[in-house]
C-alpha atoms as a PDB file:
ATOM      1  CA  MET A   1     -72.551 -50.710 -31.043  1.00  0.00           C
ATOM      2  CA  ARG A   2     -72.555 -53.655 -33.466  1.00  0.00           C
ATOM      3  CA  THR A   3     -75.970 -52.602 -34.810  1.00  0.00           C
ATOM      4  CA  LEU A   4     -74.702 -49.152 -35.616  1.00  0.00           C
ATOM      5  CA  THR A   5     -71.583 -50.559 -37.255  1.00  0.00           C
ATOM      6  CA  VAL A   6     -73.549 -52.843 -39.589  1.00  0.00           C
ATOM      7  CA  VAL A   7     -75.947 -50.024 -40.485  1.00  0.00           C
ATOM      8  CA  ALA A   8     -73.017 -47.622 -41.002  1.00  0.00           C
ATOM      9  CA  LEU A   9     -71.285 -50.192 -43.184  1.00  0.00           C
ATOM     10  CA  ALA A  10     -74.369 -50.630 -45.357  1.00  0.00           C
ATOM     11  CA  GLY A  11     -74.668 -46.844 -45.639  1.00  0.00           C
ATOM     12  CA  ALA A  12     -71.040 -46.459 -46.685  1.00  0.00           C
ATOM     13  CA  LEU A  13     -71.450 -49.122 -49.333  1.00  0.00           C
ATOM     14  CA  LEU A  14     -74.677 -47.584 -50.622  1.00  0.00           C
ATOM     15  CA  ALA A  15     -72.972 -44.192 -50.848  1.00  0.00           C
ATOM     16  CA  ALA A  16     -70.342 -45.721 -53.108  1.00  0.00           C
ATOM     17  CA  SER A  17     -72.971 -47.219 -55.420  1.00  0.00           C
ATOM     18  CA  SER A  18     -72.143 -44.987 -58.375  1.00  0.00           C
ATOM     19  CA  LEU A  19     -68.592 -46.276 -58.280  1.00  0.00           C
ATOM     20  CA  LEU A  20     -69.487 -49.897 -57.739  1.00  0.00           C
ATOM     21  CA  ALA A  21     -72.512 -50.456 -59.959  1.00  0.00           C
ATOM     22  CA  CYS A  22     -71.328 -52.925 -62.569  1.00  0.00           C
ATOM     23  CA  SER A  23     -73.223 -53.623 -65.732  1.00  0.00           C
ATOM     24  CA  SER A  24     -72.159 -56.513 -67.926  1.00  0.00           C
ATOM     25  CA  GLY A  25     -69.638 -54.210 -69.653  1.00  0.00           C
ATOM     26  CA  ASP A  26     -68.169 -52.815 -66.414  1.00  0.00           C
ATOM     27  CA  ALA A  27     -67.168 -56.058 -64.712  1.00  0.00           C
ATOM     28  CA  PRO A  28     -63.687 -56.038 -63.179  1.00  0.00           C
ATOM     29  CA  THR A  29     -61.024 -57.020 -65.671  1.00  0.00           C
ATOM     30  CA  PRO A  30     -58.872 -59.918 -64.634  1.00  0.00           C
ATOM     31  CA  PRO A  31     -55.186 -59.073 -64.286  1.00  0.00           C
ATOM     32  CA  ASP A  32     -52.738 -60.041 -67.023  1.00  0.00           C
ATOM     33  CA  THR A  33     -51.299 -63.118 -65.329  1.00  0.00           C
ATOM     34  CA  ALA A  34     -48.342 -63.197 -67.716  1.00  0.00           C
ATOM     35  CA  THR A  35     -46.883 -60.040 -66.163  1.00  0.00           C
ATOM     36  CA  VAL A  36     -48.586 -59.662 -62.767  1.00  0.00           C
ATOM     37  CA  ALA A  37     -48.209 -62.050 -59.820  1.00  0.00           C
ATOM     38  CA  THR A  38     -51.548 -63.363 -58.584  1.00  0.00           C
ATOM     39  CA  ALA A  39     -52.774 -65.619 -55.815  1.00  0.00           C
ATOM     40  CA  VAL A  40     -56.030 -67.217 -54.727  1.00  0.00           C
ATOM     41  CA  VAL A  41     -58.315 -65.928 -51.987  1.00  0.00           C
ATOM     42  CA  ALA A  42     -60.461 -68.820 -50.788  1.00  0.00           C
ATOM     43  CA  GLY A  43     -62.687 -69.558 -47.844  1.00  0.00           C
ATOM     44  CA  SER A  44     -66.209 -70.269 -46.776  1.00  0.00           C
ATOM     45  CA  VAL A  45     -69.220 -68.081 -46.090  1.00  0.00           C
ATOM     46  CA  ASP A  46     -71.759 -69.026 -43.442  1.00  0.00           C
ATOM     47  CA  TYR A  47     -75.167 -67.551 -42.640  1.00  0.00           C
ATOM     48  CA  SER A  48     -77.797 -68.967 -40.289  1.00  0.00           C
ATOM     49  CA  GLY A  49     -80.725 -66.808 -41.390  1.00  0.00           C
ATOM     50  CA  PRO A  50     -83.597 -67.652 -43.740  1.00  0.00           C
ATOM     51  CA  LYS A  51     -82.679 -65.396 -46.677  1.00  0.00           C
ATOM     52  CA  ARG A  52     -81.313 -66.710 -49.970  1.00  0.00           C
ATOM     53  CA  GLY A  53     -79.961 -64.983 -53.049  1.00  0.00           C
ATOM     54  CA  MET A  54     -76.729 -64.246 -54.889  1.00  0.00           C
ATOM     55  CA  LEU A  55     -73.575 -64.423 -52.772  1.00  0.00           C
ATOM     56  CA  ARG A  56     -71.165 -61.570 -53.543  1.00  0.00           C
ATOM     57  CA  VAL A  57     -67.540 -61.563 -52.373  1.00  0.00           C
ATOM     58  CA  ALA A  58     -65.572 -58.537 -53.588  1.00  0.00           C
ATOM     59  CA  LEU A  59     -61.996 -57.328 -53.074  1.00  0.00           C
ATOM     60  CA  PHE A  60     -61.467 -53.578 -52.719  1.00  0.00           C
ATOM     61  CA  GLU A  61     -58.200 -51.689 -52.279  1.00  0.00           C
ATOM     62  CA  SER A  62     -59.828 -49.168 -49.946  1.00  0.00           C
ATOM     63  CA  PHE A  63     -62.785 -48.937 -47.601  1.00  0.00           C
ATOM     64  CA  PRO A  64     -65.163 -47.296 -48.034  1.00  0.00           C
ATOM     65  CA  PRO A  65     -64.650 -48.225 -51.686  1.00  0.00           C
ATOM     66  CA  THR A  66     -63.538 -45.479 -54.047  1.00  0.00           C
ATOM     67  CA  GLU A  67     -63.432 -47.568 -57.217  1.00  0.00           C
ATOM     68  CA  ALA A  68     -64.730 -50.807 -58.699  1.00  0.00           C
ATOM     69  CA  PRO A  69     -63.706 -54.067 -57.016  1.00  0.00           C
ATOM     70  CA  LYS A  70     -60.442 -55.694 -58.124  1.00  0.00           C
ATOM     71  CA  ALA A  71     -62.019 -59.161 -58.091  1.00  0.00           C
ATOM     72  CA  VAL A  72     -65.546 -60.479 -57.570  1.00  0.00           C
ATOM     73  CA  TYR A  73     -67.073 -63.870 -56.802  1.00  0.00           C
ATOM     74  CA  SER A  74     -70.818 -64.224 -57.437  1.00  0.00           C
ATOM     75  CA  HIS A  75     -72.830 -67.405 -57.049  1.00  0.00           C
ATOM     76  CA  PRO A  76     -76.493 -68.208 -56.322  1.00  0.00           C
ATOM     77  CA  VAL A  77     -76.903 -69.705 -52.859  1.00  0.00           C
ATOM     78  CA  THR A  78     -79.647 -71.967 -51.526  1.00  0.00           C
ATOM     79  CA  SER A  79     -77.782 -73.355 -48.499  1.00  0.00           C
ATOM     80  CA  PHE A  80     -74.840 -72.525 -46.251  1.00  0.00           C
ATOM     81  CA  PRO A  81     -71.951 -72.809 -45.661  1.00  0.00           C
ATOM     82  CA  ILE A  82     -70.632 -72.273 -49.183  1.00  0.00           C
ATOM     83  CA  ALA A  83     -67.029 -72.281 -50.387  1.00  0.00           C
ATOM     84  CA  TYR A  84     -65.731 -69.499 -52.610  1.00  0.00           C
ATOM     85  CA  GLU A  85     -62.517 -68.848 -54.495  1.00  0.00           C
ATOM     86  CA  LEU A  86     -61.252 -65.928 -56.535  1.00  0.00           C
ATOM     87  CA  GLU A  87     -57.933 -64.770 -57.932  1.00  0.00           C
ATOM     88  CA  ALA A  88     -56.351 -61.356 -57.488  1.00  0.00           C
ATOM     89  CA  THR A  89     -53.024 -59.607 -57.760  1.00  0.00           C
ATOM     90  CA  LEU A  90     -50.829 -59.646 -54.656  1.00  0.00           C
ATOM     91  CA  GLY A  91     -51.458 -56.834 -52.184  1.00  0.00           C
ATOM     92  CA  ASP A  92     -53.654 -55.478 -49.403  1.00  0.00           C
ATOM     93  CA  TYR A  93     -57.438 -55.683 -49.784  1.00  0.00           C
ATOM     94  CA  PHE A  94     -60.721 -55.355 -47.968  1.00  0.00           C
ATOM     95  CA  VAL A  95     -62.964 -58.395 -48.427  1.00  0.00           C
ATOM     96  CA  VAL A  96     -66.608 -57.260 -48.590  1.00  0.00           C
ATOM     97  CA  THR A  97     -69.178 -60.058 -48.507  1.00  0.00           C
ATOM     98  CA  PHE A  98     -72.961 -59.913 -48.672  1.00  0.00           C
ATOM     99  CA  LEU A  99     -75.980 -61.915 -49.779  1.00  0.00           C
ATOM    100  CA  ASP A 100     -77.820 -60.049 -52.527  1.00  0.00           C
ATOM    101  CA  VAL A 101     -81.430 -61.000 -51.746  1.00  0.00           C
ATOM    102  CA  ASP A 102     -83.083 -58.365 -53.954  1.00  0.00           C
ATOM    103  CA  SER A 103     -80.899 -58.539 -57.098  1.00  0.00           C
ATOM    104  CA  GLY A 104     -79.360 -55.154 -56.324  1.00  0.00           C
ATOM    105  CA  GLY A 105     -76.054 -55.992 -57.996  1.00  0.00           C
ATOM    106  CA  TYR A 106     -72.711 -55.201 -56.430  1.00  0.00           C
ATOM    107  CA  VAL A 107     -74.074 -52.714 -53.899  1.00  0.00           C
ATOM    108  CA  PRO A 108     -75.752 -54.165 -50.795  1.00  0.00           C
ATOM    109  CA  SER A 109     -79.208 -52.949 -49.820  1.00  0.00           C
ATOM    110  CA  PRO A 110     -80.360 -52.569 -46.194  1.00  0.00           C
ATOM    111  CA  ASP A 111     -82.109 -55.974 -46.392  1.00  0.00           C
ATOM    112  CA  ASP A 112     -79.011 -57.886 -47.534  1.00  0.00           C
ATOM    113  CA  PRO A 113     -77.158 -59.955 -44.919  1.00  0.00           C
ATOM    114  CA  ILE A 114     -73.594 -58.591 -44.804  1.00  0.00           C
ATOM    115  CA  SER A 115     -70.281 -59.029 -43.004  1.00  0.00           C
ATOM    116  CA  MET A 116     -67.910 -56.402 -41.711  1.00  0.00           C
ATOM    117  CA  PRO A 117     -65.165 -55.660 -44.250  1.00  0.00           C
ATOM    118  CA  LEU A 118     -62.186 -57.863 -43.497  1.00  0.00           C
ATOM    119  CA  ARG A 119     -58.703 -56.510 -44.210  1.00  0.00           C
ATOM    120  CA  THR A 120     -56.283 -59.057 -45.625  1.00  0.00           C
ATOM    121  CA  ASN A 121     -52.970 -59.326 -47.427  1.00  0.00           C
ATOM    122  CA  ILE A 122     -52.819 -61.549 -50.465  1.00  0.00           C
ATOM    123  CA  ALA A 123     -49.313 -62.964 -50.715  1.00  0.00           C
ATOM    124  CA  ALA A 124     -47.777 -65.670 -52.880  1.00  0.00           C
ATOM    125  CA  GLY A 125     -49.430 -68.943 -51.941  1.00  0.00           C
ATOM    126  CA  GLY A 126     -52.811 -67.287 -51.365  1.00  0.00           C
ATOM    127  CA  VAL A 127     -54.878 -66.617 -48.266  1.00  0.00           C
ATOM    128  CA  ARG A 128     -57.964 -68.085 -46.580  1.00  0.00           C
ATOM    129  CA  VAL A 129     -60.737 -65.746 -45.452  1.00  0.00           C
ATOM    130  CA  ASP A 130     -63.790 -67.281 -43.758  1.00  0.00           C
ATOM    131  CA  VAL A 131     -66.840 -65.062 -43.350  1.00  0.00           C
ATOM    132  CA  THR A 132     -70.083 -65.139 -41.363  1.00  0.00           C
ATOM    133  CA  LEU A 133     -72.938 -62.968 -42.598  1.00  0.00           C
ATOM    134  CA  ALA A 134     -75.460 -61.280 -40.310  1.00  0.00           C
ATOM    135  CA  ASP A 135     -78.769 -59.545 -40.894  1.00  0.00           C
ATOM    136  CA  ALA A 136     -78.795 -55.802 -40.284  1.00  0.00           C
ATOM    137  CA  VAL A 137     -80.724 -54.898 -37.161  1.00  0.00           C
ATOM    138  CA  ARG A 138     -83.262 -52.136 -37.650  1.00  0.00           C
ATOM    139  CA  ARG A 139     -84.424 -49.867 -34.898  1.00  0.00           C
END
Protein backbone atom coordinates (compact mmCIF):
# COMPACT_ATOMS: atom_id res chain seq x y z
CA MET A 1 0.00 0.00 0.00
CA ARG A 2 2.76 2.46 0.93
CA THR A 3 4.65 1.62 -2.28
CA LEU A 4 1.65 2.45 -4.39
CA THR A 5 1.06 5.68 -2.48
CA VAL A 6 4.62 6.93 -3.04
CA VAL A 7 4.48 5.98 -6.73
CA ALA A 8 1.04 7.61 -7.06
CA LEU A 9 2.33 10.73 -5.35
CA ALA A 10 5.29 10.98 -7.72
CA GLY A 11 2.92 10.49 -10.67
CA ALA A 12 0.58 13.23 -9.47
CA LEU A 13 3.48 15.62 -9.06
CA LEU A 14 4.89 14.76 -12.48
CA ALA A 15 1.47 15.35 -14.04
CA ALA A 16 1.48 18.86 -12.61
CA SER A 17 4.91 19.62 -14.06
CA SER A 18 3.67 22.19 -16.55
CA LEU A 19 2.22 24.18 -13.69
CA LEU A 20 5.18 23.80 -11.38
CA ALA A 21 8.19 24.13 -13.66
CA CYS A 22 9.90 27.31 -12.52
CA SER A 23 12.55 29.05 -14.53
CA SER A 24 14.51 31.87 -12.96
CA GLY A 25 11.75 34.31 -14.01
CA ASP A 26 8.87 32.17 -12.68
CA ALA A 27 9.99 31.76 -9.08
CA PRO A 28 7.25 32.32 -6.49
CA THR A 29 6.92 35.96 -5.53
CA PRO A 30 7.24 36.67 -1.86
CA PRO A 31 4.13 38.20 -0.29
CA ASP A 32 4.00 41.93 0.43
CA THR A 33 4.72 41.73 4.15
CA ALA A 34 3.53 45.30 4.69
CA THR A 35 -0.08 44.31 3.99
CA VAL A 36 -0.21 40.52 4.39
CA ALA A 37 0.35 38.61 7.64
CA THR A 38 3.10 36.00 7.34
CA ALA A 39 4.67 33.38 9.55
CA VAL A 40 7.60 30.98 9.42
CA VAL A 41 7.40 27.29 8.56
CA ALA A 42 10.47 25.59 9.98
CA GLY A 43 11.59 22.06 10.67
CA SER A 44 14.08 19.41 9.77
CA VAL A 45 14.32 16.91 6.93
CA ASP A 46 15.87 13.50 7.46
CA TYR A 47 16.84 10.80 4.96
CA SER A 48 18.87 7.66 5.63
CA GLY A 49 19.59 6.71 2.02
CA PRO A 50 22.75 7.27 -0.04
CA LYS A 51 21.42 9.88 -2.49
CA ARG A 52 22.40 13.55 -2.37
CA GLY A 53 21.20 16.58 -4.29
CA MET A 54 19.11 19.72 -3.92
CA LEU A 55 16.56 19.64 -1.10
CA ARG A 56 13.21 21.14 -2.16
CA VAL A 57 10.50 22.08 0.34
CA ALA A 58 7.45 23.69 -1.28
CA LEU A 59 4.11 24.97 0.04
CA PHE A 60 1.05 24.40 -2.13
CA GLU A 61 -2.54 25.48 -1.48
CA SER A 62 -3.91 22.29 -3.04
CA PHE A 63 -2.82 18.74 -3.70
CA PRO A 64 -2.28 17.59 -6.34
CA PRO A 65 -0.91 21.05 -7.11
CA THR A 66 -2.87 23.21 -9.54
CA GLU A 67 -0.56 26.22 -9.50
CA ALA A 68 2.98 27.25 -8.63
CA PRO A 69 4.10 26.87 -5.01
CA LYS A 70 3.42 29.77 -2.62
CA ALA A 71 6.87 29.42 -1.03
CA VAL A 72 9.94 27.32 -1.77
CA TYR A 73 13.09 26.37 0.14
CA SER A 74 15.97 24.97 -1.93
CA HIS A 75 19.39 24.05 -0.61
CA PRO A 76 22.14 21.63 -1.69
CA VAL A 77 22.45 18.74 0.76
CA THR A 78 25.44 16.51 1.48
CA SER A 79 24.31 15.18 4.87
CA PHE A 80 21.15 14.73 6.93
CA PRO A 81 19.29 15.81 8.96
CA ILE A 82 19.07 19.37 7.66
CA ALA A 83 17.07 22.29 9.05
CA TYR A 84 14.92 24.42 6.76
CA GLU A 85 12.91 27.60 7.16
CA LEU A 86 10.64 29.54 4.85
CA GLU A 87 8.07 32.29 5.18
CA ALA A 88 4.52 32.25 3.85
CA THR A 89 1.20 33.98 4.30
CA LEU A 90 -1.11 32.55 6.96
CA GLY A 91 -3.38 29.74 5.81
CA ASP A 92 -3.70 26.05 4.97
CA TYR A 93 -0.97 24.39 2.89
CA PHE A 94 0.42 21.09 1.74
CA VAL A 95 4.14 20.74 2.44
CA VAL A 96 5.78 18.78 -0.40
CA THR A 97 9.39 17.76 0.21
CA PHE A 98 11.81 15.87 -2.01
CA LEU A 99 15.51 15.50 -2.76
CA ASP A 100 16.21 16.54 -6.34
CA VAL A 101 19.01 14.12 -7.26
CA ASP A 102 18.89 14.70 -11.03
CA SER A 103 18.49 18.50 -11.20
CA GLY A 104 14.90 18.17 -12.38
CA GLY A 105 13.81 21.44 -10.79
CA TYR A 106 10.61 21.78 -8.80
CA VAL A 107 9.03 18.58 -10.10
CA PRO A 108 10.24 15.31 -8.54
CA SER A 109 11.37 12.49 -10.80
CA PRO A 110 10.80 8.80 -9.99
CA ASP A 111 14.38 8.54 -8.65
CA ASP A 112 14.03 11.42 -6.17
CA PRO A 113 13.50 10.52 -2.50
CA ILE A 114 10.18 12.11 -1.47
CA SER A 115 7.80 12.43 1.46
CA MET A 116 4.04 12.21 1.51
CA PRO A 117 2.46 15.68 1.29
CA LEU A 118 1.83 16.95 4.79
CA ARG A 119 -1.18 19.19 5.39
CA THR A 120 -0.58 22.03 7.82
CA ASN A 121 -2.03 25.33 8.95
CA ILE A 122 0.30 28.28 9.17
CA ALA A 123 -0.93 30.56 11.94
CA ALA A 124 0.58 33.58 13.65
CA GLY A 125 3.68 32.41 15.49
CA GLY A 126 4.57 29.89 12.77
CA VAL A 127 4.55 26.11 12.64
CA ARG A 128 7.11 23.28 12.78
CA VAL A 129 6.96 20.53 10.18
CA ASP A 130 9.54 17.72 10.39
CA VAL A 131 9.86 15.44 7.38
CA THR A 132 11.46 12.07 6.61
CA LEU A 133 12.17 11.27 2.97
CA ALA A 134 11.98 7.77 1.50
CA ASP A 135 13.10 6.25 -1.78
CA ALA A 136 10.32 5.17 -4.12
CA VAL A 137 10.05 1.40 -4.34
CA ARG A 138 9.92 0.06 -7.87
CA ARG A 139 8.30 -3.19 -8.80
